[in-house]
N, C-alpha and C. Protein backbone atom coordinates (compact mmCIF):
# COMPACT_ATOMS: atom_id res chain seq x y z
N MET A 1 9.86 -22.87 -15.95
CA MET A 1 9.11 -22.07 -16.90
C MET A 1 7.70 -21.85 -16.35
N PRO A 2 7.36 -20.64 -15.96
CA PRO A 2 6.01 -20.37 -15.50
C PRO A 2 4.98 -20.55 -16.62
N VAL A 3 3.85 -21.10 -16.24
CA VAL A 3 2.71 -21.23 -17.15
C VAL A 3 1.60 -20.38 -16.55
N VAL A 4 1.05 -19.49 -17.34
CA VAL A 4 0.04 -18.55 -16.88
C VAL A 4 -1.30 -18.92 -17.52
N ILE A 5 -2.32 -19.09 -16.69
CA ILE A 5 -3.68 -19.34 -17.17
C ILE A 5 -4.46 -18.04 -16.98
N VAL A 6 -5.00 -17.51 -18.06
CA VAL A 6 -5.74 -16.25 -18.02
C VAL A 6 -7.20 -16.55 -18.36
N THR A 7 -8.08 -16.29 -17.40
CA THR A 7 -9.51 -16.47 -17.62
C THR A 7 -10.12 -15.09 -17.80
N ALA A 8 -10.76 -14.90 -18.96
CA ALA A 8 -11.37 -13.61 -19.28
C ALA A 8 -12.46 -13.85 -20.32
N ALA A 9 -13.33 -12.86 -20.46
CA ALA A 9 -14.35 -12.94 -21.50
C ALA A 9 -13.67 -12.97 -22.87
N GLU A 10 -14.28 -13.69 -23.81
CA GLU A 10 -13.72 -13.74 -25.15
C GLU A 10 -13.66 -12.34 -25.75
N HIS A 11 -12.59 -12.09 -26.48
CA HIS A 11 -12.40 -10.79 -27.12
C HIS A 11 -11.54 -11.00 -28.36
N PRO A 12 -11.79 -10.26 -29.44
CA PRO A 12 -10.98 -10.43 -30.64
C PRO A 12 -9.48 -10.20 -30.42
N ALA A 13 -9.14 -9.40 -29.41
CA ALA A 13 -7.72 -9.13 -29.12
C ALA A 13 -7.25 -9.94 -27.91
N GLY A 14 -7.86 -11.09 -27.68
CA GLY A 14 -7.49 -11.93 -26.55
C GLY A 14 -6.04 -12.39 -26.60
N VAL A 15 -5.51 -12.63 -27.78
CA VAL A 15 -4.11 -13.05 -27.90
C VAL A 15 -3.19 -11.92 -27.46
N ASP A 16 -3.58 -10.68 -27.70
CA ASP A 16 -2.79 -9.54 -27.22
C ASP A 16 -2.76 -9.51 -25.69
N LEU A 17 -3.88 -9.85 -25.07
CA LEU A 17 -3.93 -9.92 -23.60
C LEU A 17 -2.95 -10.97 -23.09
N LEU A 18 -2.99 -12.16 -23.70
CA LEU A 18 -2.09 -13.24 -23.28
C LEU A 18 -0.63 -12.85 -23.47
N GLY A 19 -0.31 -12.29 -24.63
CA GLY A 19 1.08 -11.90 -24.91
C GLY A 19 1.57 -10.81 -23.97
N GLY A 20 0.71 -9.85 -23.69
CA GLY A 20 1.09 -8.77 -22.78
C GLY A 20 1.36 -9.26 -21.37
N ILE A 21 0.52 -10.19 -20.91
CA ILE A 21 0.72 -10.75 -19.57
C ILE A 21 1.97 -11.61 -19.54
N ALA A 22 2.17 -12.45 -20.55
CA ALA A 22 3.36 -13.30 -20.60
C ALA A 22 4.63 -12.44 -20.61
N ASP A 23 4.64 -11.39 -21.41
CA ASP A 23 5.81 -10.50 -21.47
C ASP A 23 6.04 -9.80 -20.13
N ALA A 24 4.96 -9.36 -19.48
CA ALA A 24 5.08 -8.66 -18.20
C ALA A 24 5.61 -9.58 -17.11
N VAL A 25 5.12 -10.80 -17.07
CA VAL A 25 5.59 -11.76 -16.07
C VAL A 25 7.06 -12.10 -16.32
N ALA A 26 7.42 -12.31 -17.59
CA ALA A 26 8.81 -12.62 -17.93
C ALA A 26 9.73 -11.47 -17.50
N ALA A 27 9.34 -10.25 -17.79
CA ALA A 27 10.17 -9.09 -17.43
C ALA A 27 10.32 -8.99 -15.91
N ALA A 28 9.22 -9.19 -15.19
CA ALA A 28 9.27 -9.08 -13.72
C ALA A 28 10.17 -10.14 -13.11
N LEU A 29 10.27 -11.29 -13.76
CA LEU A 29 11.08 -12.39 -13.22
C LEU A 29 12.49 -12.44 -13.83
N GLY A 30 12.79 -11.50 -14.73
CA GLY A 30 14.09 -11.50 -15.37
C GLY A 30 14.27 -12.65 -16.35
N LEU A 31 13.19 -13.09 -16.97
CA LEU A 31 13.23 -14.19 -17.92
C LEU A 31 13.22 -13.65 -19.34
N GLY A 32 13.59 -14.48 -20.30
CA GLY A 32 13.68 -14.04 -21.68
C GLY A 32 12.53 -14.51 -22.54
N ASP A 33 12.68 -14.28 -23.83
CA ASP A 33 11.68 -14.71 -24.81
C ASP A 33 11.49 -16.22 -24.73
N GLY A 34 10.25 -16.65 -24.75
CA GLY A 34 9.93 -18.07 -24.73
C GLY A 34 9.98 -18.71 -23.36
N ASP A 35 10.25 -17.93 -22.31
CA ASP A 35 10.37 -18.50 -20.97
C ASP A 35 9.08 -18.50 -20.16
N VAL A 36 8.03 -17.88 -20.66
CA VAL A 36 6.73 -17.86 -19.99
C VAL A 36 5.67 -18.22 -21.02
N ILE A 37 4.79 -19.12 -20.66
CA ILE A 37 3.69 -19.54 -21.54
C ILE A 37 2.39 -19.01 -20.95
N ALA A 38 1.54 -18.41 -21.79
CA ALA A 38 0.22 -17.96 -21.34
C ALA A 38 -0.85 -18.68 -22.14
N VAL A 39 -1.84 -19.18 -21.43
CA VAL A 39 -2.94 -19.93 -22.02
C VAL A 39 -4.23 -19.23 -21.66
N GLY A 40 -5.10 -19.04 -22.64
CA GLY A 40 -6.38 -18.39 -22.39
C GLY A 40 -7.49 -19.38 -22.11
N ALA A 41 -8.34 -19.05 -21.15
CA ALA A 41 -9.53 -19.83 -20.83
C ALA A 41 -10.71 -18.87 -20.86
N ALA A 42 -11.54 -18.99 -21.88
CA ALA A 42 -12.64 -18.05 -22.05
C ALA A 42 -13.71 -18.26 -20.98
N ALA A 43 -14.13 -17.17 -20.37
CA ALA A 43 -15.22 -17.20 -19.39
C ALA A 43 -16.54 -17.05 -20.14
N ALA A 44 -17.42 -18.02 -19.98
CA ALA A 44 -18.70 -17.99 -20.68
C ALA A 44 -19.62 -16.89 -20.15
N ALA A 45 -19.54 -16.61 -18.85
CA ALA A 45 -20.41 -15.60 -18.24
C ALA A 45 -19.83 -15.21 -16.89
N VAL A 46 -20.26 -14.04 -16.41
CA VAL A 46 -19.85 -13.57 -15.09
C VAL A 46 -21.10 -13.11 -14.35
N ALA A 47 -21.22 -13.50 -13.09
CA ALA A 47 -22.31 -13.05 -12.24
C ALA A 47 -21.73 -12.73 -10.87
N VAL A 48 -22.37 -11.81 -10.18
CA VAL A 48 -21.92 -11.41 -8.84
C VAL A 48 -23.06 -11.64 -7.86
N SER A 49 -22.73 -12.14 -6.69
CA SER A 49 -23.76 -12.40 -5.69
C SER A 49 -24.58 -11.13 -5.43
N GLY A 50 -25.88 -11.29 -5.41
CA GLY A 50 -26.77 -10.17 -5.14
C GLY A 50 -27.04 -9.27 -6.34
N ARG A 51 -26.23 -9.41 -7.40
CA ARG A 51 -26.44 -8.56 -8.58
C ARG A 51 -26.74 -9.37 -9.83
N GLY A 52 -26.36 -10.61 -9.85
CA GLY A 52 -26.61 -11.45 -11.01
C GLY A 52 -25.66 -11.15 -12.15
N PRO A 53 -26.10 -11.39 -13.39
CA PRO A 53 -25.23 -11.22 -14.55
C PRO A 53 -24.95 -9.76 -14.86
N GLY A 54 -24.03 -9.55 -15.77
CA GLY A 54 -23.71 -8.19 -16.20
C GLY A 54 -22.89 -7.44 -15.18
N ALA A 55 -22.02 -8.14 -14.48
CA ALA A 55 -21.28 -7.54 -13.38
C ALA A 55 -19.99 -6.85 -13.83
N GLY A 56 -19.72 -6.80 -15.10
CA GLY A 56 -18.47 -6.22 -15.57
C GLY A 56 -17.43 -7.29 -15.82
N ASP A 57 -16.38 -6.93 -16.51
CA ASP A 57 -15.35 -7.88 -16.87
C ASP A 57 -14.32 -8.05 -15.75
N TRP A 58 -14.08 -9.28 -15.40
CA TRP A 58 -13.03 -9.65 -14.46
C TRP A 58 -12.02 -10.50 -15.21
N ILE A 59 -10.76 -10.32 -14.91
CA ILE A 59 -9.71 -11.14 -15.49
C ILE A 59 -9.03 -11.86 -14.33
N VAL A 60 -8.92 -13.18 -14.44
CA VAL A 60 -8.28 -13.99 -13.42
C VAL A 60 -6.98 -14.54 -14.01
N VAL A 61 -5.87 -14.27 -13.31
CA VAL A 61 -4.54 -14.69 -13.78
C VAL A 61 -3.95 -15.63 -12.74
N SER A 62 -3.77 -16.88 -13.13
CA SER A 62 -3.15 -17.88 -12.26
C SER A 62 -1.78 -18.21 -12.83
N ILE A 63 -0.74 -17.91 -12.07
CA ILE A 63 0.62 -18.16 -12.51
C ILE A 63 1.10 -19.44 -11.83
N HIS A 64 1.40 -20.45 -12.61
CA HIS A 64 1.88 -21.73 -12.09
C HIS A 64 3.40 -21.75 -12.26
N GLY A 65 4.11 -21.85 -11.15
CA GLY A 65 5.57 -21.86 -11.25
C GLY A 65 6.22 -22.26 -9.95
N SER A 66 7.49 -22.57 -10.05
CA SER A 66 8.24 -22.99 -8.86
C SER A 66 8.42 -21.81 -7.91
N ASP A 67 8.85 -22.12 -6.71
CA ASP A 67 9.07 -21.09 -5.69
C ASP A 67 10.21 -20.18 -6.11
N ARG A 68 9.93 -18.91 -6.26
CA ARG A 68 10.94 -17.91 -6.62
C ARG A 68 11.10 -16.86 -5.54
N GLY A 69 10.46 -17.08 -4.40
CA GLY A 69 10.54 -16.13 -3.31
C GLY A 69 9.39 -15.14 -3.36
N ALA A 70 9.09 -14.57 -2.20
CA ALA A 70 7.94 -13.67 -2.07
C ALA A 70 8.06 -12.42 -2.93
N ASP A 71 9.25 -11.82 -2.97
CA ASP A 71 9.41 -10.58 -3.74
C ASP A 71 9.18 -10.80 -5.22
N ALA A 72 9.76 -11.87 -5.77
CA ALA A 72 9.62 -12.15 -7.20
C ALA A 72 8.19 -12.51 -7.57
N THR A 73 7.53 -13.32 -6.75
CA THR A 73 6.17 -13.70 -7.08
C THR A 73 5.22 -12.51 -6.94
N ARG A 74 5.47 -11.66 -5.96
CA ARG A 74 4.66 -10.45 -5.81
C ARG A 74 4.86 -9.53 -7.02
N ALA A 75 6.10 -9.39 -7.48
CA ALA A 75 6.38 -8.54 -8.65
C ALA A 75 5.72 -9.10 -9.90
N ALA A 76 5.76 -10.41 -10.07
CA ALA A 76 5.14 -11.04 -11.24
C ALA A 76 3.63 -10.86 -11.22
N ARG A 77 3.02 -11.02 -10.05
CA ARG A 77 1.58 -10.82 -9.93
C ARG A 77 1.19 -9.37 -10.23
N ALA A 78 1.96 -8.43 -9.70
CA ALA A 78 1.67 -7.01 -9.95
C ALA A 78 1.84 -6.67 -11.43
N ALA A 79 2.86 -7.23 -12.06
CA ALA A 79 3.09 -6.98 -13.49
C ALA A 79 1.94 -7.55 -14.32
N ALA A 80 1.46 -8.74 -13.97
CA ALA A 80 0.34 -9.34 -14.69
C ALA A 80 -0.93 -8.49 -14.52
N GLU A 81 -1.16 -8.03 -13.31
CA GLU A 81 -2.34 -7.19 -13.06
C GLU A 81 -2.28 -5.90 -13.87
N SER A 82 -1.13 -5.27 -13.88
CA SER A 82 -0.95 -4.03 -14.63
C SER A 82 -1.13 -4.26 -16.13
N ALA A 83 -0.56 -5.35 -16.65
CA ALA A 83 -0.69 -5.66 -18.08
C ALA A 83 -2.14 -5.89 -18.46
N ALA A 84 -2.90 -6.58 -17.60
CA ALA A 84 -4.31 -6.83 -17.88
C ALA A 84 -5.10 -5.52 -17.87
N ALA A 85 -4.85 -4.67 -16.91
CA ALA A 85 -5.55 -3.37 -16.84
C ALA A 85 -5.19 -2.50 -18.04
N ASP A 86 -3.92 -2.47 -18.41
CA ASP A 86 -3.49 -1.69 -19.58
C ASP A 86 -4.16 -2.20 -20.85
N TRP A 87 -4.25 -3.53 -20.99
CA TRP A 87 -4.92 -4.13 -22.15
C TRP A 87 -6.38 -3.67 -22.20
N GLY A 88 -7.05 -3.70 -21.06
CA GLY A 88 -8.44 -3.27 -21.03
C GLY A 88 -8.61 -1.83 -21.48
N MET A 89 -7.74 -0.96 -20.98
CA MET A 89 -7.83 0.46 -21.37
C MET A 89 -7.56 0.64 -22.86
N SER A 90 -6.59 -0.08 -23.40
CA SER A 90 -6.24 0.12 -24.82
C SER A 90 -7.22 -0.56 -25.77
N HIS A 91 -8.07 -1.45 -25.25
CA HIS A 91 -9.07 -2.11 -26.10
C HIS A 91 -10.49 -1.75 -25.71
N ASP A 92 -10.64 -0.67 -24.94
CA ASP A 92 -11.95 -0.16 -24.54
C ASP A 92 -12.80 -1.23 -23.86
N VAL A 93 -12.15 -2.00 -22.97
CA VAL A 93 -12.83 -3.02 -22.18
C VAL A 93 -12.86 -2.53 -20.74
N ALA A 94 -14.05 -2.44 -20.18
CA ALA A 94 -14.19 -1.99 -18.80
C ALA A 94 -13.85 -3.15 -17.87
N VAL A 95 -12.60 -3.21 -17.47
CA VAL A 95 -12.15 -4.28 -16.56
C VAL A 95 -12.49 -3.85 -15.14
N GLU A 96 -13.41 -4.57 -14.53
CA GLU A 96 -13.83 -4.22 -13.18
C GLU A 96 -12.78 -4.63 -12.15
N GLY A 97 -12.06 -5.71 -12.45
CA GLY A 97 -11.03 -6.15 -11.53
C GLY A 97 -10.15 -7.21 -12.15
N VAL A 98 -8.96 -7.37 -11.56
CA VAL A 98 -8.02 -8.40 -11.97
C VAL A 98 -7.61 -9.16 -10.71
N TRP A 99 -7.75 -10.46 -10.75
CA TRP A 99 -7.34 -11.31 -9.63
C TRP A 99 -6.10 -12.07 -10.08
N THR A 100 -5.04 -12.01 -9.28
CA THR A 100 -3.83 -12.75 -9.62
C THR A 100 -3.47 -13.67 -8.47
N GLU A 101 -2.84 -14.79 -8.82
CA GLU A 101 -2.36 -15.72 -7.81
C GLU A 101 -1.14 -16.45 -8.35
N TRP A 102 -0.27 -16.88 -7.44
CA TRP A 102 0.90 -17.69 -7.79
C TRP A 102 0.66 -19.07 -7.20
N ILE A 103 0.71 -20.08 -8.04
CA ILE A 103 0.43 -21.44 -7.60
C ILE A 103 1.69 -22.28 -7.80
N PRO A 104 2.34 -22.68 -6.70
CA PRO A 104 3.52 -23.54 -6.81
C PRO A 104 3.08 -24.98 -7.11
N PRO A 105 3.98 -25.78 -7.67
CA PRO A 105 3.61 -27.17 -7.95
C PRO A 105 3.43 -27.96 -6.67
N GLU A 106 2.59 -28.96 -6.73
CA GLU A 106 2.41 -29.88 -5.62
C GLU A 106 3.68 -30.72 -5.47
N PRO A 107 4.08 -31.03 -4.26
CA PRO A 107 5.25 -31.89 -4.11
C PRO A 107 4.98 -33.30 -4.66
N THR A 108 5.95 -33.85 -5.29
CA THR A 108 5.81 -35.22 -5.80
C THR A 108 6.62 -36.12 -4.88
N TRP A 109 5.96 -36.77 -4.00
CA TRP A 109 6.63 -37.60 -2.99
C TRP A 109 7.11 -38.85 -3.59
């Protein structure tokens, strides 16, 4: 079961962002309802080197899950990125960028 951590600025429709990303990742991986969990982590502030604060909204999506192969993980990351961008457009949030990553579990020796 993939667990998705979404870091973004607080927003009244933040749960919609989480649900949209969870649904998109599940669809990309061929999973069903309840098979992907998304957790929100509110970003207190954003700053960019050389520009300081007010750099625009960035959404960081970290997908924690077992190895599903390069094609599946790439599809899940792309789906999450698209869902985050779509959410921004539908909620009038200027999303400057979306960063996605797939993080496999550490081996337990």
